[in-house]
Amino acid sequence: MGASSLDVITIGKFRGGAASEYTEIRWKLQQLALEVCNENGWEIPFPQLTVSSLNTEATAASLLAGGE
């Protein structure tokens, strides 16, 4: 999907009686997927951007006063 994701499709097949347990089953499948990722050293890529600003108070005051 994106640069900050590890895209995996998990398909489970259950009988209709399991519908009432949908949320618990979904959570458990996600937990198991995370455990497999951790056990295999798979990491989710996360690009980082560092933004720095000099003299933030003066910049804010200038912008509030209508300056650029």
N, C-alpha and C. Protein backbone atom coordinates (compact mmCIF):
# COMPACT_ATOMS: atom_id res chain seq x y z
N MET A 1 0.80 -1.18 0.00
CA MET A 1 0.00 0.00 0.00
C MET A 1 0.86 1.26 0.00
N GLY A 2 1.83 1.30 0.89
CA GLY A 2 2.63 2.51 0.95
C GLY A 2 4.04 2.21 1.42
N ALA A 3 4.83 3.27 1.49
CA ALA A 3 6.23 3.13 1.88
C ALA A 3 6.38 2.76 3.35
N SER A 4 5.33 3.00 4.14
CA SER A 4 5.40 2.71 5.58
C SER A 4 4.52 1.52 5.95
N SER A 5 4.54 0.50 5.10
CA SER A 5 3.70 -0.65 5.43
C SER A 5 4.36 -1.94 4.95
N LEU A 6 3.97 -3.00 5.60
CA LEU A 6 4.34 -4.35 5.18
C LEU A 6 3.02 -4.99 4.80
N ASP A 7 2.77 -5.15 3.51
CA ASP A 7 1.46 -5.58 3.01
C ASP A 7 1.37 -7.09 2.94
N VAL A 8 0.45 -7.65 3.72
CA VAL A 8 0.24 -9.09 3.77
C VAL A 8 -1.26 -9.35 3.73
N ILE A 9 -1.66 -10.34 2.98
CA ILE A 9 -3.07 -10.72 2.95
C ILE A 9 -3.19 -12.05 3.66
N THR A 10 -4.09 -12.11 4.63
CA THR A 10 -4.36 -13.33 5.37
C THR A 10 -5.81 -13.71 5.12
N ILE A 11 -6.03 -14.92 4.70
CA ILE A 11 -7.39 -15.39 4.43
C ILE A 11 -7.70 -16.53 5.38
N GLY A 12 -8.80 -16.38 6.10
CA GLY A 12 -9.24 -17.43 7.01
C GLY A 12 -10.60 -17.94 6.56
N LYS A 13 -10.82 -19.22 6.68
CA LYS A 13 -12.10 -19.79 6.30
C LYS A 13 -12.71 -20.43 7.55
N PHE A 14 -13.89 -19.94 7.91
CA PHE A 14 -14.55 -20.38 9.13
C PHE A 14 -16.01 -20.71 8.85
N ARG A 15 -16.59 -21.48 9.69
CA ARG A 15 -18.02 -21.79 9.59
C ARG A 15 -18.83 -20.60 10.07
N GLY A 16 -20.08 -20.54 9.68
CA GLY A 16 -20.94 -19.42 10.03
C GLY A 16 -21.07 -19.17 11.52
N GLY A 17 -20.96 -20.21 12.31
CA GLY A 17 -21.06 -20.06 13.76
C GLY A 17 -19.96 -19.20 14.36
N ALA A 18 -18.88 -19.01 13.62
CA ALA A 18 -17.76 -18.21 14.12
C ALA A 18 -18.00 -16.71 13.92
N ALA A 19 -19.10 -16.34 13.25
CA ALA A 19 -19.37 -14.92 12.97
C ALA A 19 -19.42 -14.09 14.24
N SER A 20 -19.96 -14.63 15.30
CA SER A 20 -20.06 -13.88 16.55
C SER A 20 -18.68 -13.64 17.18
N GLU A 21 -17.69 -14.39 16.74
CA GLU A 21 -16.32 -14.24 17.26
C GLU A 21 -15.42 -13.49 16.28
N TYR A 22 -16.03 -12.82 15.31
CA TYR A 22 -15.26 -12.15 14.24
C TYR A 22 -14.16 -11.25 14.79
N THR A 23 -14.51 -10.36 15.72
CA THR A 23 -13.54 -9.39 16.24
C THR A 23 -12.38 -10.09 16.93
N GLU A 24 -12.68 -11.10 17.74
CA GLU A 24 -11.62 -11.84 18.45
C GLU A 24 -10.73 -12.60 17.47
N ILE A 25 -11.34 -13.23 16.46
CA ILE A 25 -10.57 -13.97 15.45
C ILE A 25 -9.66 -13.02 14.68
N ARG A 26 -10.22 -11.88 14.27
CA ARG A 26 -9.43 -10.89 13.51
C ARG A 26 -8.23 -10.43 14.34
N TRP A 27 -8.48 -10.10 15.62
CA TRP A 27 -7.40 -9.65 16.49
C TRP A 27 -6.34 -10.73 16.64
N LYS A 28 -6.77 -11.98 16.81
CA LYS A 28 -5.82 -13.09 17.00
C LYS A 28 -4.98 -13.30 15.73
N LEU A 29 -5.61 -13.21 14.56
CA LEU A 29 -4.86 -13.35 13.31
C LEU A 29 -3.81 -12.25 13.17
N GLN A 30 -4.18 -11.01 13.56
CA GLN A 30 -3.22 -9.91 13.50
C GLN A 30 -2.07 -10.14 14.47
N GLN A 31 -2.40 -10.63 15.66
CA GLN A 31 -1.38 -10.92 16.67
C GLN A 31 -0.42 -12.01 16.17
N LEU A 32 -0.96 -13.07 15.58
CA LEU A 32 -0.12 -14.14 15.05
C LEU A 32 0.77 -13.64 13.91
N ALA A 33 0.22 -12.80 13.05
CA ALA A 33 1.01 -12.24 11.94
C ALA A 33 2.16 -11.40 12.49
N LEU A 34 1.90 -10.61 13.51
CA LEU A 34 2.96 -9.80 14.12
C LEU A 34 4.03 -10.69 14.75
N GLU A 35 3.63 -11.75 15.42
CA GLU A 35 4.59 -12.68 16.02
C GLU A 35 5.48 -13.31 14.96
N VAL A 36 4.89 -13.71 13.82
CA VAL A 36 5.68 -14.31 12.73
C VAL A 36 6.68 -13.29 12.20
N CYS A 37 6.24 -12.04 12.03
CA CYS A 37 7.15 -10.99 11.55
C CYS A 37 8.32 -10.81 12.52
N ASN A 38 8.00 -10.74 13.81
CA ASN A 38 9.06 -10.56 14.81
C ASN A 38 10.01 -11.75 14.86
N GLU A 39 9.47 -12.96 14.78
CA GLU A 39 10.32 -14.17 14.82
C GLU A 39 11.25 -14.24 13.62
N ASN A 40 10.84 -13.68 12.49
CA ASN A 40 11.65 -13.74 11.27
C ASN A 40 12.45 -12.47 11.02
N GLY A 41 12.37 -11.52 11.95
CA GLY A 41 13.14 -10.29 11.80
C GLY A 41 12.62 -9.36 10.71
N TRP A 42 11.37 -9.52 10.33
CA TRP A 42 10.79 -8.65 9.30
C TRP A 42 10.42 -7.33 9.96
N GLU A 43 10.82 -6.24 9.35
CA GLU A 43 10.53 -4.93 9.90
C GLU A 43 9.65 -4.15 8.93
N ILE A 44 8.79 -3.33 9.49
CA ILE A 44 7.96 -2.47 8.66
C ILE A 44 8.77 -1.22 8.36
N PRO A 45 8.99 -0.92 7.08
CA PRO A 45 9.79 0.26 6.73
C PRO A 45 9.06 1.53 7.17
N PHE A 46 9.81 2.47 7.67
CA PHE A 46 9.21 3.72 8.13
C PHE A 46 10.14 4.87 7.78
N PRO A 47 9.92 5.51 6.63
CA PRO A 47 10.77 6.64 6.27
C PRO A 47 10.55 7.79 7.25
N GLN A 48 11.62 8.45 7.63
CA GLN A 48 11.51 9.55 8.57
C GLN A 48 11.97 10.84 7.93
N LEU A 49 11.35 11.92 8.32
CA LEU A 49 11.70 13.25 7.83
C LEU A 49 11.91 14.13 9.04
N THR A 50 13.06 14.76 9.10
CA THR A 50 13.35 15.67 10.20
C THR A 50 13.23 17.09 9.68
N VAL A 51 12.42 17.89 10.36
CA VAL A 51 12.22 19.28 9.98
C VAL A 51 12.76 20.15 11.10
N SER A 52 13.62 21.08 10.74
CA SER A 52 14.20 21.99 11.73
C SER A 52 13.79 23.42 11.39
N SER A 53 13.62 24.22 12.42
CA SER A 53 13.28 25.62 12.23
C SER A 53 14.14 26.44 13.16
N LEU A 54 14.75 27.49 12.63
CA LEU A 54 15.57 28.37 13.44
C LEU A 54 14.70 29.48 14.00
N ASN A 55 14.89 29.81 15.24
CA ASN A 55 14.21 30.91 15.90
C ASN A 55 12.69 30.83 15.68
N THR A 56 12.09 29.79 16.17
CA THR A 56 10.67 29.51 15.97
C THR A 56 9.78 30.63 16.50
N GLU A 57 10.12 31.22 17.65
CA GLU A 57 9.28 32.27 18.21
C GLU A 57 9.26 33.50 17.31
N ALA A 58 10.40 33.89 16.76
CA ALA A 58 10.46 35.05 15.88
C ALA A 58 9.72 34.77 14.58
N THR A 59 9.82 33.55 14.07
CA THR A 59 9.12 33.18 12.85
C THR A 59 7.62 33.23 13.07
N ALA A 60 7.13 32.69 14.17
CA ALA A 60 5.71 32.71 14.49
C ALA A 60 5.21 34.13 14.65
N ALA A 61 5.97 34.98 15.36
CA ALA A 61 5.57 36.38 15.55
C ALA A 61 5.50 37.10 14.22
N SER A 62 6.46 36.83 13.35
CA SER A 62 6.47 37.47 12.03
C SER A 62 5.26 37.05 11.21
N LEU A 63 4.92 35.77 11.25
CA LEU A 63 3.76 35.27 10.50
C LEU A 63 2.46 35.87 11.05
N LEU A 64 2.35 35.97 12.38
CA LEU A 64 1.15 36.55 12.99
C LEU A 64 1.02 38.03 12.66
N ALA A 65 2.15 38.70 12.46
CA ALA A 65 2.12 40.11 12.12
C ALA A 65 1.90 40.36 10.63
N GLY A 66 1.77 39.28 9.88
CA GLY A 66 1.51 39.40 8.45
C GLY A 66 2.76 39.32 7.59
N GLY A 67 3.90 39.06 8.19
CA GLY A 67 5.13 38.92 7.42
C GLY A 67 5.29 37.53 6.86
N GLU A 68 6.29 37.35 6.06
CA GLU A 68 6.53 36.02 5.48
C GLU A 68 7.88 35.50 5.88
